């Protein structure tokens, strides 16, 4: 598997899937690099707005 595209502390934009729209999109900071699940790399991210943390897939993230 390829290495993670994003680094801890990096600011990213999160775009949820349709079924996750309640999760809210926006700007997040990478808190932790997580191992892959179902051949997709994952991250723990923290919202800049409310401080809520969640686990997201790499394909849901984009650079600013």
C-alpha atoms as a PDB file:
ATOM      1  CA  UNK A   1       0.000   0.000   0.000  1.00  0.00           C
ATOM      2  CA  UNK A   2       1.190   3.529  -0.743  1.00  0.00           C
ATOM      3  CA  UNK A   3       2.219   5.842   2.100  1.00  0.00           C
ATOM      4  CA  UNK A   4      -0.226   8.338   3.606  1.00  0.00           C
ATOM      5  CA  UNK A   5      -0.660  11.523   1.518  1.00  0.00           C
ATOM      6  CA  UNK A   6      -1.201  13.758   4.547  1.00  0.00           C
ATOM      7  CA  UNK A   7       0.864  14.309   7.700  1.00  0.00           C
ATOM      8  CA  UNK A   8      -0.024  14.784  11.363  1.00  0.00           C
ATOM      9  CA  UNK A   9      -0.808  18.457  12.021  1.00  0.00           C
ATOM     10  CA  UNK A  10      -1.721  19.187   8.398  1.00  0.00           C
ATOM     11  CA  UNK A  11      -4.910  21.151   7.613  1.00  0.00           C
ATOM     12  CA  UNK A  12      -7.281  19.356   5.221  1.00  0.00           C
ATOM     13  CA  UNK A  13     -10.805  19.731   3.871  1.00  0.00           C
ATOM     14  CA  UNK A  14     -13.179  16.848   4.674  1.00  0.00           C
ATOM     15  CA  UNK A  15     -15.972  15.968   2.235  1.00  0.00           C
ATOM     16  CA  UNK A  16     -18.340  13.328   3.642  1.00  0.00           C
ATOM     17  CA  UNK A  17     -20.098  10.685   1.555  1.00  0.00           C
ATOM     18  CA  UNK A  18     -23.825  11.165   0.886  1.00  0.00           C
ATOM     19  CA  UNK A  19     -24.792   8.849   3.743  1.00  0.00           C
ATOM     20  CA  UNK A  20     -22.493  10.838   6.085  1.00  0.00           C
ATOM     21  CA  UNK A  21     -23.819  14.325   5.339  1.00  0.00           C
ATOM     22  CA  UNK A  22     -24.853  14.711   8.977  1.00  0.00           C
ATOM     23  CA  UNK A  23     -21.127  14.516   9.815  1.00  0.00           C
ATOM     24  CA  UNK A  24     -20.527  17.951   8.381  1.00  0.00           C
ATOM     25  CA  UNK A  25     -17.832  18.942   5.969  1.00  0.00           C
ATOM     26  CA  UNK A  26     -15.204  21.566   6.546  1.00  0.00           C
ATOM     27  CA  UNK A  27     -11.657  22.145   7.713  1.00  0.00           C
ATOM     28  CA  UNK A  28      -9.962  19.586   9.921  1.00  0.00           C
ATOM     29  CA  UNK A  29      -6.473  18.915  11.262  1.00  0.00           C
ATOM     30  CA  UNK A  30      -4.839  15.502  10.983  1.00  0.00           C
ATOM     31  CA  UNK A  31      -4.443  14.108  14.500  1.00  0.00           C
ATOM     32  CA  UNK A  32      -3.189  10.595  13.747  1.00  0.00           C
ATOM     33  CA  UNK A  33      -2.313   8.331  10.831  1.00  0.00           C
ATOM     34  CA  UNK A  34      -4.269   5.081  10.971  1.00  0.00           C
ATOM     35  CA  UNK A  35      -3.691   1.762   9.203  1.00  0.00           C
ATOM     36  CA  UNK A  36      -5.600   0.837   6.090  1.00  0.00           C
ATOM     37  CA  UNK A  37      -9.026  -0.761   6.204  1.00  0.00           C
ATOM     38  CA  UNK A  38     -10.421  -2.446   3.098  1.00  0.00           C
ATOM     39  CA  UNK A  39      -7.322  -1.263   1.177  1.00  0.00           C
ATOM     40  CA  UNK A  40      -7.967   2.410   1.998  1.00  0.00           C
ATOM     41  CA  UNK A  41      -5.754   4.499   4.266  1.00  0.00           C
ATOM     42  CA  UNK A  42      -7.479   6.223   7.178  1.00  0.00           C
ATOM     43  CA  UNK A  43      -6.875   9.230   9.418  1.00  0.00           C
ATOM     44  CA  UNK A  44      -8.135  10.552  12.722  1.00  0.00           C
ATOM     45  CA  UNK A  45      -9.051  14.208  12.185  1.00  0.00           C
ATOM     46  CA  UNK A  46     -10.254  17.026  14.434  1.00  0.00           C
ATOM     47  CA  UNK A  47     -12.685  19.751  13.372  1.00  0.00           C
ATOM     48  CA  UNK A  48     -11.380  23.316  13.525  1.00  0.00           C
ATOM     49  CA  UNK A  49     -14.918  24.511  14.298  1.00  0.00           C
ATOM     50  CA  UNK A  50     -16.167  22.349  17.162  1.00  0.00           C
ATOM     51  CA  UNK A  51     -13.183  20.167  18.097  1.00  0.00           C
ATOM     52  CA  UNK A  52     -15.066  16.968  17.229  1.00  0.00           C
ATOM     53  CA  UNK A  53     -12.796  14.093  16.167  1.00  0.00           C
ATOM     54  CA  UNK A  54     -13.658  11.418  13.638  1.00  0.00           C
ATOM     55  CA  UNK A  55     -12.040   8.705  11.522  1.00  0.00           C
ATOM     56  CA  UNK A  56     -12.096   9.374   7.776  1.00  0.00           C
ATOM     57  CA  UNK A  57     -10.806   7.749   4.609  1.00  0.00           C
ATOM     58  CA  UNK A  58      -7.988   9.330   2.613  1.00  0.00           C
ATOM     59  CA  UNK A  59     -10.250   9.762  -0.433  1.00  0.00           C
ATOM     60  CA  UNK A  60     -12.504  12.052   1.627  1.00  0.00           C
ATOM     61  CA  UNK A  61      -9.716  14.548   2.237  1.00  0.00           C
ATOM     62  CA  UNK A  62      -8.220  17.324   0.113  1.00  0.00           C
ATOM     63  CA  UNK A  63      -5.469  19.881   0.575  1.00  0.00           C
ATOM     64  CA  UNK A  64      -6.521  23.512   1.055  1.00  0.00           C
END
